[in-house]
Amino acid sequence: MERIPLADFCEAHGQTAAAKKLCITQGALSKALRIGRKVDVITHRDGSFSAEEIKPFPSQSQASRDSEVV
């Protein structure tokens, strides 16, 4: 398995082809890049692709809500 940042994957394959390989729309891919989502694309041994988003735990919004409840 190989992990590469979404932006690098798009640069290597082009946005339209990258979106097809990830089974998402080109618009969704473009938006993810534009807003700076931290996504890694995983190349599997069988040649398929998947993507995982890296987020802080707990989420920032959840941490903010928890601090207000006190």
Protein backbone atom coordinates (compact mmCIF):
# COMPACT_ATOMS: atom_id res chain seq x y z
CA MET A 1 0.00 0.00 0.00
CA GLU A 2 1.15 3.47 -0.86
CA ARG A 3 -0.26 6.67 0.65
CA ILE A 4 0.04 10.00 -1.12
CA PRO A 5 -1.57 13.39 -0.48
CA LEU A 6 -4.70 14.09 -2.52
CA ALA A 7 -3.12 17.10 -4.24
CA ASP A 8 -0.19 14.98 -5.45
CA PHE A 9 -2.56 12.26 -6.67
CA CYS A 10 -4.51 14.86 -8.66
CA GLU A 11 -1.36 16.37 -10.09
CA ALA A 12 -0.23 12.94 -11.31
CA HIS A 13 -3.59 11.82 -12.75
CA GLY A 14 -5.54 15.05 -13.40
CA GLN A 15 -8.65 16.00 -11.42
CA THR A 16 -11.19 14.32 -13.67
CA ALA A 17 -9.37 10.97 -13.79
CA ALA A 18 -8.53 11.16 -10.07
CA ALA A 19 -12.19 11.73 -9.22
CA LYS A 20 -13.22 8.72 -11.32
CA LYS A 21 -10.60 6.52 -9.66
CA LEU A 22 -11.96 7.57 -6.22
CA CYS A 23 -15.63 7.23 -7.32
CA ILE A 24 -16.45 10.86 -6.50
CA THR A 25 -17.41 13.84 -8.62
CA GLN A 26 -14.80 16.20 -9.96
CA GLY A 27 -16.61 19.02 -8.13
CA ALA A 28 -16.27 17.26 -4.78
CA LEU A 29 -12.59 16.67 -5.44
CA SER A 30 -12.05 20.29 -6.46
CA LYS A 31 -13.77 21.54 -3.31
CA ALA A 32 -11.71 19.24 -1.06
CA LEU A 33 -8.54 20.64 -2.61
CA ARG A 34 -9.77 24.26 -2.47
CA ILE A 35 -10.64 24.17 1.23
CA GLY A 36 -7.47 22.30 2.14
CA ARG A 37 -8.87 19.04 3.47
CA LYS A 38 -6.09 16.71 4.62
CA VAL A 39 -6.79 13.61 2.54
CA ASP A 40 -4.41 10.77 1.68
CA VAL A 41 -5.04 8.50 -1.30
CA ILE A 42 -4.17 4.85 -0.75
CA THR A 43 -3.11 2.65 -3.65
CA HIS A 44 -4.02 -0.96 -2.89
CA ARG A 45 -2.18 -4.06 -4.14
CA ASP A 46 -5.01 -4.89 -6.55
CA GLY A 47 -4.64 -1.48 -8.25
CA SER A 48 -7.73 0.08 -6.64
CA PHE A 49 -7.72 3.37 -4.76
CA SER A 50 -9.35 4.66 -1.59
CA ALA A 51 -8.98 7.88 0.37
CA GLU A 52 -8.83 8.72 4.06
CA GLU A 53 -9.22 12.11 5.66
CA ILE A 54 -6.95 12.95 8.56
CA LYS A 55 -8.74 14.94 11.27
CA PRO A 56 -7.92 15.96 14.84
CA PHE A 57 -9.45 13.80 17.57
CA PRO A 58 -11.67 14.85 19.15
CA SER A 59 -12.96 17.10 16.43
CA GLN A 60 -12.45 20.82 16.93
CA SER A 61 -16.17 21.51 16.96
CA GLN A 62 -16.80 18.80 19.58
CA ALA A 63 -13.98 20.14 21.77
CA SER A 64 -15.46 23.65 21.55
CA ARG A 65 -18.93 22.40 22.57
CA ASP A 66 -17.50 20.45 25.51
CA SER A 67 -15.68 23.51 26.85
CA GLU A 68 -18.91 25.56 26.71
CA VAL A 69 -20.89 22.99 28.72
CA VAL A 70 -18.67 23.38 31.79
